[in-house]
Amino acid sequence: MSALADSQVSATIPARDLERAKNFYADKLGLKPAEERPDGLRYRCGDGEFLLFESSGEPSGTHTQLGWDVDDLEATVSELRANGVIFEEYDLPGFKTVDGIAEEEGWKGAWFKDSEGNLLAIGEISS
């Protein structure tokens, strides 16, 4: 077994303006950093974590960079919309959102961009 298989993993998300990103994650998503460093902000969500770091690079915004699994997607989308989050709409062959939510058998998801253009997702697996 690989040492990586039993190790904690975390995502890193670029931010051109770290203070603007910190405000977005606090005001829109209700997240506060668990740790603040000069090079970035560490957030803990459930058993996972991610780091927002200052970067001069451009986010692609074309693929999901971070996602959360939630128990009630509609309630979470409603809460985030009330905070000003704007959800992406997709109409692709075999994949379409309705009011920001895509549904497939056993799964629902919704996507939005943060203040830096990073594409983030929330999803719900139904049993």
Protein backbone atom coordinates (compact mmCIF):
# COMPACT_ATOMS: atom_id res chain seq x y z
CA MET A 1 0.00 0.00 0.00
CA SER A 2 1.25 3.46 -0.85
CA ALA A 3 2.01 5.92 1.94
CA LEU A 4 -0.15 8.40 0.03
CA ALA A 5 -3.24 6.20 0.29
CA ASP A 6 -3.32 6.63 4.07
CA SER A 7 -2.33 10.30 4.12
CA GLN A 8 -4.51 13.38 4.48
CA VAL A 9 -4.97 15.23 1.19
CA SER A 10 -5.79 18.89 0.65
CA ALA A 11 -6.49 21.14 -2.30
CA THR A 12 -4.78 24.42 -3.16
CA ILE A 13 -6.76 27.21 -4.80
CA PRO A 14 -5.08 30.26 -6.37
CA ALA A 15 -6.12 33.82 -5.55
CA ARG A 16 -4.88 36.92 -7.36
CA ASP A 17 -6.17 39.02 -4.46
CA LEU A 18 -6.01 37.08 -1.19
CA GLU A 19 -7.96 39.66 0.82
CA ARG A 20 -10.76 39.76 -1.77
CA ALA A 21 -10.87 35.94 -1.76
CA LYS A 22 -10.92 35.85 2.05
CA ASN A 23 -13.91 38.21 2.05
CA PHE A 24 -15.75 36.12 -0.58
CA TYR A 25 -15.24 32.88 1.35
CA ALA A 26 -16.39 34.58 4.59
CA ASP A 27 -19.29 36.68 3.29
CA LYS A 28 -20.67 34.39 0.57
CA LEU A 29 -19.76 30.90 1.82
CA GLY A 30 -19.66 31.47 5.58
CA LEU A 31 -16.12 30.08 5.90
CA LYS A 32 -13.44 31.45 8.19
CA PRO A 33 -9.78 30.44 7.85
CA ALA A 34 -8.58 27.95 10.45
CA GLU A 35 -5.09 29.30 9.92
CA GLU A 36 -3.72 32.48 8.35
CA ARG A 37 -0.17 32.60 7.01
CA PRO A 38 1.60 35.23 4.94
CA ASP A 39 1.46 32.89 1.93
CA GLY A 40 -2.16 31.81 2.28
CA LEU A 41 -5.26 30.89 4.21
CA ARG A 42 -6.04 27.34 5.35
CA TYR A 43 -9.69 26.31 5.63
CA ARG A 44 -11.04 23.15 7.25
CA CYS A 45 -14.36 21.69 6.11
CA GLY A 46 -15.43 18.35 7.60
CA ASP A 47 -12.45 16.00 7.38
CA GLY A 48 -10.87 17.93 4.50
CA GLU A 49 -9.04 21.16 4.05
CA PHE A 50 -7.92 23.56 1.36
CA LEU A 51 -5.44 26.38 1.04
CA LEU A 52 -6.10 29.69 -0.69
CA PHE A 53 -2.76 31.07 -1.78
CA GLU A 54 -1.65 34.32 -3.40
CA SER A 55 -0.83 33.66 -7.06
CA SER A 56 -0.17 35.78 -10.12
CA GLY A 57 -1.50 32.96 -12.33
CA GLU A 58 -4.90 32.99 -13.98
CA PRO A 59 -7.51 30.42 -12.91
CA SER A 60 -8.93 28.50 -15.85
CA GLY A 61 -12.49 28.48 -14.53
CA THR A 62 -13.15 25.66 -16.99
CA HIS A 63 -13.03 22.71 -14.61
CA THR A 64 -14.07 22.06 -11.04
CA GLN A 65 -11.22 22.84 -8.68
CA LEU A 66 -12.90 22.12 -5.34
CA GLY A 67 -16.15 20.48 -4.31
CA TRP A 68 -18.24 19.88 -1.23
CA ASP A 69 -20.62 16.98 -0.60
CA VAL A 70 -23.76 18.20 1.17
CA ASP A 71 -26.85 16.49 2.60
CA ASP A 72 -29.39 18.89 1.03
CA LEU A 73 -28.28 20.50 -2.22
CA GLU A 74 -31.39 22.63 -2.75
CA ALA A 75 -31.15 24.12 0.76
CA THR A 76 -27.42 24.80 0.30
CA VAL A 77 -27.98 26.45 -3.10
CA SER A 78 -30.76 28.56 -1.59
CA GLU A 79 -28.54 29.63 1.33
CA LEU A 80 -25.63 30.51 -0.94
CA ARG A 81 -27.90 32.42 -3.35
CA ALA A 82 -29.20 34.44 -0.40
CA ASN A 83 -25.55 35.37 0.26
CA GLY A 84 -25.11 36.54 -3.34
CA VAL A 85 -23.50 33.46 -4.92
CA ILE A 86 -24.33 33.14 -8.64
CA PHE A 87 -24.63 29.61 -9.99
CA GLU A 88 -23.46 28.55 -13.42
CA GLU A 89 -25.92 27.29 -16.02
CA TYR A 90 -24.96 24.54 -18.47
CA ASP A 91 -26.77 23.22 -21.53
CA LEU A 92 -24.50 20.59 -23.07
CA PRO A 93 -25.28 17.30 -24.81
CA GLY A 94 -26.18 14.90 -22.00
CA PHE A 95 -25.70 17.52 -19.29
CA LYS A 96 -28.06 20.37 -18.41
CA THR A 97 -28.70 22.47 -15.32
CA VAL A 98 -32.13 23.73 -14.37
CA ASP A 99 -32.06 26.75 -12.06
CA GLY A 100 -28.36 26.03 -11.47
CA ILE A 101 -28.76 22.34 -10.55
CA ALA A 102 -27.88 19.30 -12.66
CA GLU A 103 -29.52 15.96 -11.84
CA GLU A 104 -28.57 12.46 -12.84
CA GLU A 105 -29.67 9.17 -11.36
CA GLY A 106 -28.51 9.17 -7.74
CA TRP A 107 -26.71 12.50 -7.92
CA LYS A 108 -27.26 16.29 -8.05
CA GLY A 109 -24.72 19.08 -8.43
CA ALA A 110 -24.32 22.84 -8.79
CA TRP A 111 -21.33 25.02 -9.74
CA PHE A 112 -20.26 28.59 -9.04
CA LYS A 113 -17.15 30.72 -9.35
CA ASP A 114 -15.40 32.38 -6.45
CA SER A 115 -14.15 35.98 -6.51
CA GLU A 116 -10.99 34.83 -8.30
CA GLY A 117 -12.68 32.86 -11.09
CA ASN A 118 -12.09 29.40 -9.62
CA LEU A 119 -14.91 26.95 -10.42
CA LEU A 120 -16.29 25.35 -7.25
CA ALA A 121 -18.98 22.70 -6.87
CA ILE A 122 -21.45 21.34 -4.37
CA GLY A 123 -23.04 17.94 -4.78
CA GLU A 124 -25.48 15.56 -3.16
CA ILE A 125 -25.53 11.80 -3.56
CA SER A 126 -29.00 10.38 -3.06
CA SER A 127 -29.61 6.83 -2.00
